[in-house]
Amino acid sequence: EKIAIGAAMHEFELKGTDGKTHKLSDFKGKIVALQFASQDCPWSKGADPDISALAKSYADKDVVVLGIEATAGRTMEAVAKYNEDRELAFVTLIDEGNAYADAVNAKQTPEFFVVDKEGKLAYHGAFDDRTQPANTGDTNYVAKAIDSLLAGTAVEEPEVKAWGCGIKRAPRDS
């Protein structure tokens, strides 16, 4: 079920490429940008450098950027190596069995959920308005949402249709 803008974001407890277990509640009081990602998706890979730059530019402003690898069967080792090889400036969490993607109804990679300091969903959708995987868009929706939250104002465009690849989900027991 889709989470409404302004509703509490679902909690998670996921292992990260930094060797730690992370919970959304660990970041209360900070703005959190959650990105569902896939190292197989050209759209996700194309956005990686821009997402990494975003993470660096907001690192000292109480903003946390986290990747969530939701591809079924992806190992921590493979994701950690990918992050290291690509020099990503954010931790990626492993969503085994797509449990968190299912909980928040995430469908695409990359797909963003920006959570405000109180743990409520403030933005959901595309990273930017790119039309090709490796071409940075003119409008960075995630940065605009973060800037609004930092300024204490409402996010102007709280939902923008996400683009990218479909999440490769784990098979379900019937």
C-alpha atoms as a PDB file:
ATOM      1  CA  GLU A   1       0.000   0.000   0.000  1.00  0.00           C
ATOM      2  CA  LYS A   2       1.303   3.421  -0.967  1.00  0.00           C
ATOM      3  CA  ILE A   3       2.417   5.676   1.881  1.00  0.00           C
ATOM      4  CA  ALA A   4       0.749   9.090   1.840  1.00  0.00           C
ATOM      5  CA  ILE A   5       2.824  12.248   1.953  1.00  0.00           C
ATOM      6  CA  GLY A   6       2.859  13.371   5.586  1.00  0.00           C
ATOM      7  CA  ALA A   7       2.348   9.840   6.944  1.00  0.00           C
ATOM      8  CA  ALA A   8       4.911   8.102   9.131  1.00  0.00           C
ATOM      9  CA  MET A   9       7.458   6.192   7.069  1.00  0.00           C
ATOM     10  CA  HIS A  10       7.699   2.487   7.858  1.00  0.00           C
ATOM     11  CA  GLU A  11      10.521   1.454  10.155  1.00  0.00           C
ATOM     12  CA  PHE A  12      13.283  -0.802   8.849  1.00  0.00           C
ATOM     13  CA  GLU A  13      16.155  -2.746  10.344  1.00  0.00           C
ATOM     14  CA  LEU A  14      18.626  -3.558   7.574  1.00  0.00           C
ATOM     15  CA  LYS A  15      22.312  -4.427   7.373  1.00  0.00           C
ATOM     16  CA  GLY A  16      24.540  -1.966   5.547  1.00  0.00           C
ATOM     17  CA  THR A  17      27.722  -2.045   3.512  1.00  0.00           C
ATOM     18  CA  ASP A  18      29.431  -0.390   6.489  1.00  0.00           C
ATOM     19  CA  GLY A  19      28.948  -3.605   8.519  1.00  0.00           C
ATOM     20  CA  LYS A  20      26.320  -2.029  10.788  1.00  0.00           C
ATOM     21  CA  THR A  21      22.604  -2.643  11.196  1.00  0.00           C
ATOM     22  CA  HIS A  22      20.559   0.502  10.564  1.00  0.00           C
ATOM     23  CA  LYS A  23      17.040   1.495  11.595  1.00  0.00           C
ATOM     24  CA  LEU A  24      15.130   4.483  10.292  1.00  0.00           C
ATOM     25  CA  SER A  25      14.491   5.512  13.901  1.00  0.00           C
ATOM     26  CA  ASP A  26      18.289   5.820  14.387  1.00  0.00           C
ATOM     27  CA  PHE A  27      18.100   8.965  12.236  1.00  0.00           C
ATOM     28  CA  LYS A  28      15.277  10.767  14.065  1.00  0.00           C
ATOM     29  CA  GLY A  29      15.988  14.495  13.957  1.00  0.00           C
ATOM     30  CA  LYS A  30      17.678  14.187  10.554  1.00  0.00           C
ATOM     31  CA  ILE A  31      16.354  14.284   7.017  1.00  0.00           C
ATOM     32  CA  VAL A  32      16.753  10.875   5.390  1.00  0.00           C
ATOM     33  CA  ALA A  33      16.806  10.271   1.627  1.00  0.00           C
ATOM     34  CA  LEU A  34      16.187   6.578   0.938  1.00  0.00           C
ATOM     35  CA  GLN A  35      17.022   5.383  -2.544  1.00  0.00           C
ATOM     36  CA  PHE A  36      15.949   1.981  -3.831  1.00  0.00           C
ATOM     37  CA  ALA A  37      18.822   0.964  -6.093  1.00  0.00           C
ATOM     38  CA  SER A  38      20.072  -1.806  -8.328  1.00  0.00           C
ATOM     39  CA  GLN A  39      23.596  -2.283  -9.622  1.00  0.00           C
ATOM     40  CA  ASP A  40      22.046  -3.999 -12.677  1.00  0.00           C
ATOM     41  CA  CYS A  41      19.839  -1.064 -13.684  1.00  0.00           C
ATOM     42  CA  PRO A  42      21.381   1.427 -16.139  1.00  0.00           C
ATOM     43  CA  TRP A  43      19.152   4.210 -14.715  1.00  0.00           C
ATOM     44  CA  SER A  44      20.277   3.498 -11.167  1.00  0.00           C
ATOM     45  CA  LYS A  45      23.937   3.219 -12.228  1.00  0.00           C
ATOM     46  CA  GLY A  46      23.646   6.408 -14.266  1.00  0.00           C
ATOM     47  CA  ALA A  47      22.295   8.342 -11.286  1.00  0.00           C
ATOM     48  CA  ASP A  48      24.934   6.987  -8.860  1.00  0.00           C
ATOM     49  CA  PRO A  49      27.476   9.811  -9.383  1.00  0.00           C
ATOM     50  CA  ASP A  50      24.775  12.473  -8.921  1.00  0.00           C
ATOM     51  CA  ILE A  51      23.347  10.751  -5.835  1.00  0.00           C
ATOM     52  CA  SER A  52      26.861  10.458  -4.414  1.00  0.00           C
ATOM     53  CA  ALA A  53      27.428  14.185  -5.035  1.00  0.00           C
ATOM     54  CA  LEU A  54      24.116  14.938  -3.317  1.00  0.00           C
ATOM     55  CA  ALA A  55      25.148  12.840  -0.288  1.00  0.00           C
ATOM     56  CA  LYS A  56      28.453  14.732  -0.050  1.00  0.00           C
ATOM     57  CA  SER A  57      26.854  18.169  -0.439  1.00  0.00           C
ATOM     58  CA  TYR A  58      24.390  17.604   2.432  1.00  0.00           C
ATOM     59  CA  ALA A  59      26.617  15.520   4.741  1.00  0.00           C
ATOM     60  CA  ASP A  60      27.200  18.386   7.184  1.00  0.00           C
ATOM     61  CA  LYS A  61      23.533  19.488   7.246  1.00  0.00           C
ATOM     62  CA  ASP A  62      21.914  16.631   9.231  1.00  0.00           C
ATOM     63  CA  VAL A  63      20.901  14.874   6.002  1.00  0.00           C
ATOM     64  CA  VAL A  64      21.503  11.144   5.549  1.00  0.00           C
ATOM     65  CA  VAL A  65      21.436   9.461   2.136  1.00  0.00           C
ATOM     66  CA  LEU A  66      21.039   5.680   2.129  1.00  0.00           C
ATOM     67  CA  GLY A  67      20.835   3.265  -0.765  1.00  0.00           C
ATOM     68  CA  ILE A  68      18.613   0.220  -0.432  1.00  0.00           C
ATOM     69  CA  GLU A  69      19.612  -2.671  -2.704  1.00  0.00           C
ATOM     70  CA  ALA A  70      16.352  -4.436  -3.402  1.00  0.00           C
ATOM     71  CA  THR A  71      17.418  -6.853  -6.143  1.00  0.00           C
ATOM     72  CA  ALA A  72      16.508 -10.384  -5.099  1.00  0.00           C
ATOM     73  CA  GLY A  73      19.498 -12.531  -4.208  1.00  0.00           C
ATOM     74  CA  ARG A  74      22.082  -9.739  -4.123  1.00  0.00           C
ATOM     75  CA  THR A  75      24.801 -10.451  -1.547  1.00  0.00           C
ATOM     76  CA  MET A  76      26.309  -7.979   0.881  1.00  0.00           C
ATOM     77  CA  GLU A  77      29.755  -8.726  -0.584  1.00  0.00           C
ATOM     78  CA  ALA A  78      28.628  -7.851  -4.117  1.00  0.00           C
ATOM     79  CA  VAL A  79      26.954  -4.627  -2.987  1.00  0.00           C
ATOM     80  CA  ALA A  80      29.942  -3.575  -0.849  1.00  0.00           C
ATOM     81  CA  LYS A  81      32.316  -4.182  -3.781  1.00  0.00           C
ATOM     82  CA  TYR A  82      30.027  -2.211  -6.127  1.00  0.00           C
ATOM     83  CA  ASN A  83      29.916   0.727  -3.667  1.00  0.00           C
ATOM     84  CA  GLU A  84      33.692   0.653  -3.267  1.00  0.00           C
ATOM     85  CA  ASP A  85      34.394   0.346  -7.015  1.00  0.00           C
ATOM     86  CA  ARG A  86      32.034   3.236  -7.776  1.00  0.00           C
ATOM     87  CA  GLU A  87      33.300   5.272  -4.792  1.00  0.00           C
ATOM     88  CA  LEU A  88      29.762   5.915  -3.581  1.00  0.00           C
ATOM     89  CA  ALA A  89      29.502   8.419  -0.733  1.00  0.00           C
ATOM     90  CA  PHE A  90      26.622   6.649   0.992  1.00  0.00           C
ATOM     91  CA  VAL A  91      25.936   3.357   2.746  1.00  0.00           C
ATOM     92  CA  THR A  92      23.756   0.837   0.929  1.00  0.00           C
ATOM     93  CA  LEU A  93      21.420  -1.398   2.903  1.00  0.00           C
ATOM     94  CA  ILE A  94      20.381  -4.893   1.826  1.00  0.00           C
ATOM     95  CA  ASP A  95      16.625  -5.506   1.573  1.00  0.00           C
ATOM     96  CA  GLU A  96      16.601  -9.301   1.675  1.00  0.00           C
ATOM     97  CA  GLY A  97      13.452 -10.780   0.189  1.00  0.00           C
ATOM     98  CA  ASN A  98      12.254  -7.282  -0.731  1.00  0.00           C
ATOM     99  CA  ALA A  99      10.477  -6.960   2.616  1.00  0.00           C
ATOM    100  CA  TYR A 100      11.038  -3.198   2.915  1.00  0.00           C
ATOM    101  CA  ALA A 101      10.363  -2.513  -0.771  1.00  0.00           C
ATOM    102  CA  ASP A 102       7.069  -4.354  -0.318  1.00  0.00           C
ATOM    103  CA  ALA A 103       6.264  -2.464   2.909  1.00  0.00           C
ATOM    104  CA  VAL A 104       6.659   0.934   1.233  1.00  0.00           C
ATOM    105  CA  ASN A 105       5.393  -0.174  -2.188  1.00  0.00           C
ATOM    106  CA  ALA A 106       8.652   0.713  -3.969  1.00  0.00           C
ATOM    107  CA  LYS A 107       8.573  -0.305  -7.633  1.00  0.00           C
ATOM    108  CA  GLN A 108      11.564   1.283  -9.425  1.00  0.00           C
ATOM    109  CA  THR A 109      15.312   1.741  -9.200  1.00  0.00           C
ATOM    110  CA  PRO A 110      16.201   4.438  -8.463  1.00  0.00           C
ATOM    111  CA  GLU A 111      13.119   5.506  -6.489  1.00  0.00           C
ATOM    112  CA  PHE A 112      13.391   7.982  -3.614  1.00  0.00           C
ATOM    113  CA  PHE A 113      11.581   8.407  -0.332  1.00  0.00           C
ATOM    114  CA  VAL A 114      12.633  11.585   1.515  1.00  0.00           C
ATOM    115  CA  VAL A 115      11.720  11.443   5.190  1.00  0.00           C
ATOM    116  CA  ASP A 116      11.551  14.567   7.358  1.00  0.00           C
ATOM    117  CA  LYS A 117      13.111  15.009  10.808  1.00  0.00           C
ATOM    118  CA  GLU A 118       9.963  13.617  12.469  1.00  0.00           C
ATOM    119  CA  GLY A 119      10.028  10.422  10.383  1.00  0.00           C
ATOM    120  CA  LYS A 120       7.226  11.422   8.003  1.00  0.00           C
ATOM    121  CA  LEU A 121       7.298  11.022   4.244  1.00  0.00           C
ATOM    122  CA  ALA A 122       7.894  14.419   2.629  1.00  0.00           C
ATOM    123  CA  TYR A 123       8.791  13.411  -0.948  1.00  0.00           C
ATOM    124  CA  HIS A 124       8.389  10.293  -3.058  1.00  0.00           C
ATOM    125  CA  GLY A 125       9.527   9.690  -6.620  1.00  0.00           C
ATOM    126  CA  ALA A 126      12.231  10.429  -9.158  1.00  0.00           C
ATOM    127  CA  PHE A 127      15.713  11.693  -8.335  1.00  0.00           C
ATOM    128  CA  ASP A 128      15.662  14.248 -11.143  1.00  0.00           C
ATOM    129  CA  ASP A 129      14.085  14.812 -14.545  1.00  0.00           C
ATOM    130  CA  ARG A 130      16.690  13.004 -16.658  1.00  0.00           C
ATOM    131  CA  THR A 131      15.556  11.440 -19.936  1.00  0.00           C
ATOM    132  CA  GLN A 132      18.552   9.123 -20.424  1.00  0.00           C
ATOM    133  CA  PRO A 133      20.267   6.926 -17.808  1.00  0.00           C
ATOM    134  CA  ALA A 134      23.616   8.743 -17.747  1.00  0.00           C
ATOM    135  CA  ASN A 135      22.399  12.290 -18.445  1.00  0.00           C
ATOM    136  CA  THR A 136      21.845  14.437 -15.355  1.00  0.00           C
ATOM    137  CA  GLY A 137      18.449  16.124 -15.375  1.00  0.00           C
ATOM    138  CA  ASP A 138      17.829  19.867 -15.140  1.00  0.00           C
ATOM    139  CA  THR A 139      15.630  19.604 -12.039  1.00  0.00           C
ATOM    140  CA  ASN A 140      16.838  17.643  -9.006  1.00  0.00           C
ATOM    141  CA  TYR A 141      13.605  16.840  -7.168  1.00  0.00           C
ATOM    142  CA  VAL A 142      15.358  15.223  -4.201  1.00  0.00           C
ATOM    143  CA  ALA A 143      17.621  18.257  -3.634  1.00  0.00           C
ATOM    144  CA  LYS A 144      14.606  20.572  -3.917  1.00  0.00           C
ATOM    145  CA  ALA A 145      12.727  18.501  -1.329  1.00  0.00           C
ATOM    146  CA  ILE A 146      15.716  18.473   1.049  1.00  0.00           C
ATOM    147  CA  ASP A 147      16.229  22.237   0.611  1.00  0.00           C
ATOM    148  CA  SER A 148      12.549  22.855   1.431  1.00  0.00           C
ATOM    149  CA  LEU A 149      12.760  20.708   4.557  1.00  0.00           C
ATOM    150  CA  LEU A 150      15.965  22.436   5.679  1.00  0.00           C
ATOM    151  CA  ALA A 151      14.249  25.811   5.177  1.00  0.00           C
ATOM    152  CA  GLY A 152      11.199  24.660   7.139  1.00  0.00           C
ATOM    153  CA  THR A 153       8.849  24.995   4.173  1.00  0.00           C
ATOM    154  CA  ALA A 154       6.513  22.555   2.446  1.00  0.00           C
ATOM    155  CA  VAL A 155       7.920  20.498  -0.420  1.00  0.00           C
ATOM    156  CA  GLU A 156       6.543  22.110  -3.584  1.00  0.00           C
ATOM    157  CA  GLU A 157       6.364  18.881  -5.622  1.00  0.00           C
ATOM    158  CA  PRO A 158       5.962  16.113  -3.024  1.00  0.00           C
ATOM    159  CA  GLU A 159       5.373  13.391  -5.636  1.00  0.00           C
ATOM    160  CA  VAL A 160       6.984  12.919  -9.028  1.00  0.00           C
ATOM    161  CA  LYS A 161       6.683   9.712 -11.022  1.00  0.00           C
ATOM    162  CA  ALA A 162       9.831   7.631 -10.601  1.00  0.00           C
ATOM    163  CA  TRP A 163      11.691   6.373 -13.673  1.00  0.00           C
ATOM    164  CA  GLY A 164      14.078   3.468 -14.015  1.00  0.00           C
ATOM    165  CA  CYS A 165      14.006  -0.317 -13.843  1.00  0.00           C
ATOM    166  CA  GLY A 166      11.496  -2.479 -12.045  1.00  0.00           C
ATOM    167  CA  ILE A 167      12.687  -4.014  -8.772  1.00  0.00           C
ATOM    168  CA  LYS A 168      13.593  -7.680  -9.311  1.00  0.00           C
ATOM    169  CA  ARG A 169      11.617  -9.236  -6.484  1.00  0.00           C
ATOM    170  CA  ALA A 170      12.240 -12.496  -4.655  1.00  0.00           C
ATOM    171  CA  PRO A 171       9.891 -15.380  -5.469  1.00  0.00           C
ATOM    172  CA  ARG A 172       6.986 -15.669  -3.071  1.00  0.00           C
ATOM    173  CA  ASP A 173       5.813 -18.842  -1.352  1.00  0.00           C
ATOM    174  CA  SER A 174       2.234 -19.533  -2.330  1.00  0.00           C
END
